[in-house]
PDB file of N, CA and C in Angstrom:
ATOM      1  N   MET A   1      -7.808  36.497  -0.148  1.00  0.00           N
ATOM      2  CA  MET A   1      -8.866  36.548  -0.500  1.00  0.00           C
ATOM      3  C   MET A   1      -9.734  35.279   0.900  1.00  0.00           C
ATOM      4  N   GLN A   2     -10.562  36.331   1.718  1.00  0.00           N
ATOM      5  CA  GLN A   2     -11.452  35.289   2.864  1.00  0.00           C
ATOM      6  C   GLN A   2     -12.886  34.567   2.075  1.00  0.00           C
ATOM      7  N   ALA A   3     -12.658  33.575   2.349  1.00  0.00           N
ATOM      8  CA  ALA A   3     -13.822  32.731   2.079  1.00  0.00           C
ATOM      9  C   ALA A   3     -15.303  33.223   2.483  1.00  0.00           C
ATOM     10  N   GLU A   4     -16.152  32.557   1.858  1.00  0.00           N
ATOM     11  CA  GLU A   4     -17.184  33.168   2.136  1.00  0.00           C
ATOM     12  C   GLU A   4     -17.850  32.023   3.208  1.00  0.00           C
ATOM     13  N   ARG A   5     -18.340  33.037   3.872  1.00  0.00           N
ATOM     14  CA  ARG A   5     -19.458  31.978   4.929  1.00  0.00           C
ATOM     15  C   ARG A   5     -20.845  31.931   4.807  1.00  0.00           C
ATOM     16  N   THR A   6     -21.384  30.745   4.831  1.00  0.00           N
ATOM     17  CA  THR A   6     -22.302  30.311   4.738  1.00  0.00           C
ATOM     18  C   THR A   6     -23.455  29.762   5.688  1.00  0.00           C
ATOM     19  N   ASP A   7     -24.405  30.936   5.995  1.00  0.00           N
ATOM     20  CA  ASP A   7     -25.567  30.932   7.107  1.00  0.00           C
ATOM     21  C   ASP A   7     -26.468  29.967   6.962  1.00  0.00           C
ATOM     22  N   ARG A   8     -26.679  28.662   7.409  1.00  0.00           N
ATOM     23  CA  ARG A   8     -27.477  27.488   7.369  1.00  0.00           C
ATOM     24  C   ARG A   8     -28.759  28.082   8.107  1.00  0.00           C
ATOM     25  N   ALA A   9     -29.030  29.338   8.506  1.00  0.00           N
ATOM     26  CA  ALA A   9     -30.226  29.552   8.468  1.00  0.00           C
ATOM     27  C   ALA A   9     -30.894  30.221   7.961  1.00  0.00           C
ATOM     28  N   ALA A  10     -30.296  30.468   6.881  1.00  0.00           N
ATOM     29  CA  ALA A  10     -31.043  31.420   5.846  1.00  0.00           C
ATOM     30  C   ALA A  10     -32.336  30.669   5.268  1.00  0.00           C
ATOM     31  N   PRO A  11     -32.955  31.192   4.193  1.00  0.00           N
ATOM     32  CA  PRO A  11     -34.210  30.552   3.894  1.00  0.00           C
ATOM     33  C   PRO A  11     -33.920  29.474   2.754  1.00  0.00           C
ATOM     34  N   GLU A  12     -33.410  29.962   1.996  1.00  0.00           N
ATOM     35  CA  GLU A  12     -32.584  29.319   0.581  1.00  0.00           C
ATOM     36  C   GLU A  12     -31.980  28.056   1.649  1.00  0.00           C
ATOM     37  N   TRP A  13     -30.900  27.498   2.324  1.00  0.00           N
ATOM     38  CA  TRP A  13     -30.508  26.349   3.036  1.00  0.00           C
ATOM     39  C   TRP A  13     -31.885  26.038   3.551  1.00  0.00           C
ATOM     40  N   LYS A  14     -32.955  26.272   4.405  1.00  0.00           N
ATOM     41  CA  LYS A  14     -34.060  25.497   4.812  1.00  0.00           C
ATOM     42  C   LYS A  14     -34.775  24.586   3.314  1.00  0.00           C
ATOM     43  N   VAL A  15     -34.921  25.780   2.121  1.00  0.00           N
ATOM     44  CA  VAL A  15     -35.353  25.033   1.494  1.00  0.00           C
ATOM     45  C   VAL A  15     -34.353  23.882   0.720  1.00  0.00           C
ATOM     46  N   CYS A  16     -33.346  24.213   0.632  1.00  0.00           N
ATOM     47  CA  CYS A  16     -32.583  23.073  -0.387  1.00  0.00           C
ATOM     48  C   CYS A  16     -32.509  21.611   1.174  1.00  0.00           C
ATOM     49  N   THR A  17     -32.627  22.275   2.283  1.00  0.00           N
ATOM     50  CA  THR A  17     -32.159  21.273   3.201  1.00  0.00           C
ATOM     51  C   THR A  17     -34.028  20.023   3.233  1.00  0.00           C
ATOM     52  N   GLU A  18     -34.917  20.617   3.188  1.00  0.00           N
ATOM     53  CA  GLU A  18     -35.894  20.038   2.694  1.00  0.00           C
ATOM     54  C   GLU A  18     -36.093  19.268   1.491  1.00  0.00           C
ATOM     55  N   VAL A  19     -35.486  20.041   0.426  1.00  0.00           N
ATOM     56  CA  VAL A  19     -35.618  19.331  -1.063  1.00  0.00           C
ATOM     57  C   VAL A  19     -34.880  18.021  -0.902  1.00  0.00           C
ATOM     58  N   VAL A  20     -33.481  17.942  -0.256  1.00  0.00           N
ATOM     59  CA  VAL A  20     -32.641  16.928   0.183  1.00  0.00           C
ATOM     60  C   VAL A  20     -33.273  15.738   0.644  1.00  0.00           C
ATOM     61  N   LEU A  21     -34.274  16.187   1.689  1.00  0.00           N
ATOM     62  CA  LEU A  21     -34.741  15.017   2.916  1.00  0.00           C
ATOM     63  C   LEU A  21     -36.006  14.272   1.750  1.00  0.00           C
ATOM     64  N   LEU A  22     -37.027  15.057   1.150  1.00  0.00           N
ATOM     65  CA  LEU A  22     -37.845  14.457   0.367  1.00  0.00           C
ATOM     66  C   LEU A  22     -37.099  13.670  -1.135  1.00  0.00           C
ATOM     67  N   VAL A  23     -35.915  14.174  -1.601  1.00  0.00           N
ATOM     68  CA  VAL A  23     -35.382  13.165  -2.908  1.00  0.00           C
ATOM     69  C   VAL A  23     -34.649  12.129  -2.038  1.00  0.00           C
ATOM     70  N   GLN A  24     -33.839  12.345  -0.927  1.00  0.00           N
ATOM     71  CA  GLN A  24     -33.621  10.526  -0.463  1.00  0.00           C
ATOM     72  C   GLN A  24     -34.510   9.789   0.243  1.00  0.00           C
ATOM     73  N   THR A  25     -35.857  10.409   0.613  1.00  0.00           N
ATOM     74  CA  THR A  25     -36.609   9.640   1.327  1.00  0.00           C
ATOM     75  C   THR A  25     -37.724   8.745  -0.399  1.00  0.00           C
ATOM     76  N   ALA A  26     -37.602   9.599  -1.211  1.00  0.00           N
ATOM     77  CA  ALA A  26     -38.046   9.188  -2.278  1.00  0.00           C
ATOM     78  C   ALA A  26     -36.844   7.841  -3.048  1.00  0.00           C
ATOM     79  N   MET A  27     -36.254   8.535  -3.027  1.00  0.00           N
ATOM     80  CA  MET A  27     -34.916   7.342  -3.374  1.00  0.00           C
ATOM     81  C   MET A  27     -34.900   5.895  -2.731  1.00  0.00           C
ATOM     82  N   ILE A  28     -34.910   6.185  -1.836  1.00  0.00           N
ATOM     83  CA  ILE A  28     -34.943   4.781  -0.515  1.00  0.00           C
ATOM     84  C   ILE A  28     -35.987   3.965  -0.894  1.00  0.00           C
ATOM     85  N   GLY A  29     -37.412   5.174  -0.726  1.00  0.00           N
ATOM     86  CA  GLY A  29     -38.847   4.208  -1.180  1.00  0.00           C
ATOM     87  C   GLY A  29     -38.412   3.222  -2.509  1.00  0.00           C
ATOM     88  N   ILE A  30     -38.191   4.418  -3.502  1.00  0.00           N
ATOM     89  CA  ILE A  30     -38.260   3.364  -4.871  1.00  0.00           C
ATOM     90  C   ILE A  30     -36.828   2.238  -4.621  1.00  0.00           C
ATOM     91  N   LEU A  31     -35.856   2.112  -4.503  1.00  0.00           N
ATOM     92  CA  LEU A  31     -34.674   1.204  -3.838  1.00  0.00           C
ATOM     93  C   LEU A  31     -34.949  -0.033  -3.774  1.00  0.00           C
ATOM     94  N   ARG A  32     -35.787   0.552  -2.660  1.00  0.00           N
ATOM     95  CA  ARG A  32     -36.571  -0.961  -1.705  1.00  0.00           C
ATOM     96  C   ARG A  32     -37.473  -1.493  -2.267  1.00  0.00           C
ATOM     97  N   LEU A  33     -38.343  -1.045  -2.841  1.00  0.00           N
ATOM     98  CA  LEU A  33     -39.168  -1.789  -3.898  1.00  0.00           C
ATOM     99  C   LEU A  33     -38.710  -2.463  -5.307  1.00  0.00           C
ATOM    100  N   ALA A  34     -37.365  -1.822  -5.604  1.00  0.00           N
ATOM    101  CA  ALA A  34     -36.724  -2.399  -6.619  1.00  0.00           C
ATOM    102  C   ALA A  34     -35.710  -3.854  -5.933  1.00  0.00           C
ATOM    103  N   GLY A  35     -36.025  -4.070  -4.393  1.00  0.00           N
ATOM    104  CA  GLY A  35     -35.215  -5.177  -3.935  1.00  0.00           C
ATOM    105  C   GLY A  35     -34.035  -4.964  -3.403  1.00  0.00           C
ATOM    106  N   PHE A  36     -33.378  -3.335  -3.736  1.00  0.00           N
ATOM    107  CA  PHE A  36     -31.959  -3.458  -3.093  1.00  0.00           C
ATOM    108  C   PHE A  36     -32.489  -2.656  -1.376  1.00  0.00           C
ATOM    109  N   SER A  37     -31.369  -2.937  -0.596  1.00  0.00           N
ATOM    110  CA  SER A  37     -31.293  -2.938   1.309  1.00  0.00           C
ATOM    111  C   SER A  37     -30.251  -1.546   0.824  1.00  0.00           C
ATOM    112  N   VAL A  38     -31.380  -0.474   1.324  1.00  0.00           N
ATOM    113  CA  VAL A  38     -31.115   0.516   1.326  1.00  0.00           C
ATOM    114  C   VAL A  38     -30.948   1.168   2.970  1.00  0.00           C
ATOM    115  N   ALA A  39     -30.019   2.563   3.010  1.00  0.00           N
ATOM    116  CA  ALA A  39     -29.912   3.022   4.678  1.00  0.00           C
ATOM    117  C   ALA A  39     -29.500   4.749   4.009  1.00  0.00           C
ATOM    118  N   ARG A  40     -30.155   5.318   4.802  1.00  0.00           N
ATOM    119  CA  ARG A  40     -29.946   6.466   4.986  1.00  0.00           C
ATOM    120  C   ARG A  40     -28.290   6.515   5.421  1.00  0.00           C
ATOM    121  N   ALA A  41     -27.560   7.693   4.816  1.00  0.00           N
ATOM    122  CA  ALA A  41     -26.088   7.560   5.180  1.00  0.00           C
ATOM    123  C   ALA A  41     -26.315   8.039   6.370  1.00  0.00           C
ATOM    124  N   GLU A  42     -26.855   8.937   7.016  1.00  0.00           N
ATOM    125  CA  GLU A  42     -26.353   9.387   8.974  1.00  0.00           C
ATOM    126  C   GLU A  42     -26.129   8.068   9.601  1.00  0.00           C
ATOM    127  N   GLU A  43     -27.028   7.325   8.795  1.00  0.00           N
ATOM    128  CA  GLU A  43     -27.359   5.933   9.866  1.00  0.00           C
ATOM    129  C   GLU A  43     -26.056   5.000   9.978  1.00  0.00           C
ATOM    130  N   VAL A  44     -25.009   5.276   9.070  1.00  0.00           N
ATOM    131  CA  VAL A  44     -24.052   4.629   8.681  1.00  0.00           C
ATOM    132  C   VAL A  44     -22.376   5.784   8.920  1.00  0.00           C
ATOM    133  N   ASP A  45     -22.763   6.452   8.299  1.00  0.00           N
ATOM    134  CA  ASP A  45     -21.392   7.874   8.269  1.00  0.00           C
ATOM    135  C   ASP A  45     -21.769   8.826   8.732  1.00  0.00           C
ATOM    136  N   ASP A  46     -21.742   9.417   9.950  1.00  0.00           N
ATOM    137  CA  ASP A  46     -22.053  10.689  10.027  1.00  0.00           C
ATOM    138  C   ASP A  46     -21.667  11.715   9.122  1.00  0.00           C
ATOM    139  N   VAL A  47     -20.587  11.780   8.336  1.00  0.00           N
ATOM    140  CA  VAL A  47     -19.967  12.435   7.376  1.00  0.00           C
ATOM    141  C   VAL A  47     -20.672  12.772   5.842  1.00  0.00           C
ATOM    142  N   ALA A  48     -21.716  11.075   5.637  1.00  0.00           N
ATOM    143  CA  ALA A  48     -22.105  11.389   4.216  1.00  0.00           C
ATOM    144  C   ALA A  48     -23.699  12.017   4.707  1.00  0.00           C
ATOM    145  N   GLU A  49     -23.754  12.880   5.274  1.00  0.00           N
ATOM    146  CA  GLU A  49     -25.438  13.501   5.150  1.00  0.00           C
ATOM    147  C   GLU A  49     -26.046  13.798   4.235  1.00  0.00           C
ATOM    148  N   GLY A  50     -27.177  13.302   3.779  1.00  0.00           N
ATOM    149  CA  GLY A  50     -27.857  13.630   2.871  1.00  0.00           C
ATOM    150  C   GLY A  50     -27.970  12.412   2.126  1.00  0.00           C
ATOM    151  N   ASP A  51     -26.586  11.672   2.057  1.00  0.00           N
ATOM    152  CA  ASP A  51     -26.464  10.359   0.722  1.00  0.00           C
ATOM    153  C   ASP A  51     -27.426   9.383   1.133  1.00  0.00           C
ATOM    154  N   VAL A  52     -27.476   8.107   0.325  1.00  0.00           N
ATOM    155  CA  VAL A  52     -28.079   6.765   0.553  1.00  0.00           C
ATOM    156  C   VAL A  52     -26.799   5.949   0.522  1.00  0.00           C
ATOM    157  N   TYR A  53     -26.206   4.925   0.815  1.00  0.00           N
ATOM    158  CA  TYR A  53     -26.027   3.608   0.594  1.00  0.00           C
ATOM    159  C   TYR A  53     -26.596   2.463  -0.086  1.00  0.00           C
ATOM    160  N   VAL A  54     -26.203   1.975  -0.786  1.00  0.00           N
ATOM    161  CA  VAL A  54     -27.446   0.989  -1.499  1.00  0.00           C
ATOM    162  C   VAL A  54     -26.280  -0.434  -1.422  1.00  0.00           C
ATOM    163  N   HIS A  55     -26.913  -1.497  -1.325  1.00  0.00           N
ATOM    164  CA  HIS A  55     -26.286  -2.375  -1.647  1.00  0.00           C
ATOM    165  C   HIS A  55     -27.050  -3.267  -2.510  1.00  0.00           C
ATOM    166  N   ALA A  56     -26.245  -4.456  -3.354  1.00  0.00           N
ATOM    167  CA  ALA A  56     -27.090  -5.079  -4.481  1.00  0.00           C
ATOM    168  C   ALA A  56     -28.219  -5.972  -3.791  1.00  0.00           C
ATOM    169  N   ASP A  57     -29.353  -6.350  -4.538  1.00  0.00           N
ATOM    170  CA  ASP A  57     -30.213  -6.949  -4.137  1.00  0.00           C
ATOM    171  C   ASP A  57     -29.743  -8.372  -3.906  1.00  0.00           C
ATOM    172  N   THR A  58     -30.674  -9.010  -3.561  1.00  0.00           N
ATOM    173  CA  THR A  58     -29.890 -10.708  -3.441  1.00  0.00           C
ATOM    174  C   THR A  58     -30.899 -11.750  -4.320  1.00  0.00           C
ATOM    175  N   ARG A  59     -31.781 -11.219  -4.992  1.00  0.00           N
ATOM    176  CA  ARG A  59     -32.465 -12.108  -5.721  1.00  0.00           C
ATOM    177  C   ARG A  59     -31.974 -12.820  -7.504  1.00  0.00           C
ATOM    178  N   PRO A  60     -31.976 -14.032  -7.564  1.00  0.00           N
ATOM    179  CA  PRO A  60     -31.061 -14.515  -8.164  1.00  0.00           C
ATOM    180  C   PRO A  60     -31.378 -14.035  -9.555  1.00  0.00           C
ATOM    181  N   SER A  61     -30.476 -13.999 -10.679  1.00  0.00           N
ATOM    182  CA  SER A  61     -30.473 -13.141 -11.822  1.00  0.00           C
ATOM    183  C   SER A  61     -31.007 -14.334 -12.604  1.00  0.00           C
ATOM    184  N   VAL A  62     -32.087 -13.717 -13.398  1.00  0.00           N
ATOM    185  CA  VAL A  62     -32.977 -14.684 -14.333  1.00  0.00           C
ATOM    186  C   VAL A  62     -31.894 -15.466 -15.742  1.00  0.00           C
TER     187      VAL A  62
END
């Protein structure tokens, strides 16, 4: 059985890519407002496209 090939130019892939970008942007904004250090995975690791790297905040615990 041959593996199915994916056409990244297909309309459903374009929509998926747009949704991933919107969710990633929203997550980064929310986490930064909460005091976390956040970076797009693409800035750190070229394999983890669409992911977000989060580092714990540095605020003292109450």
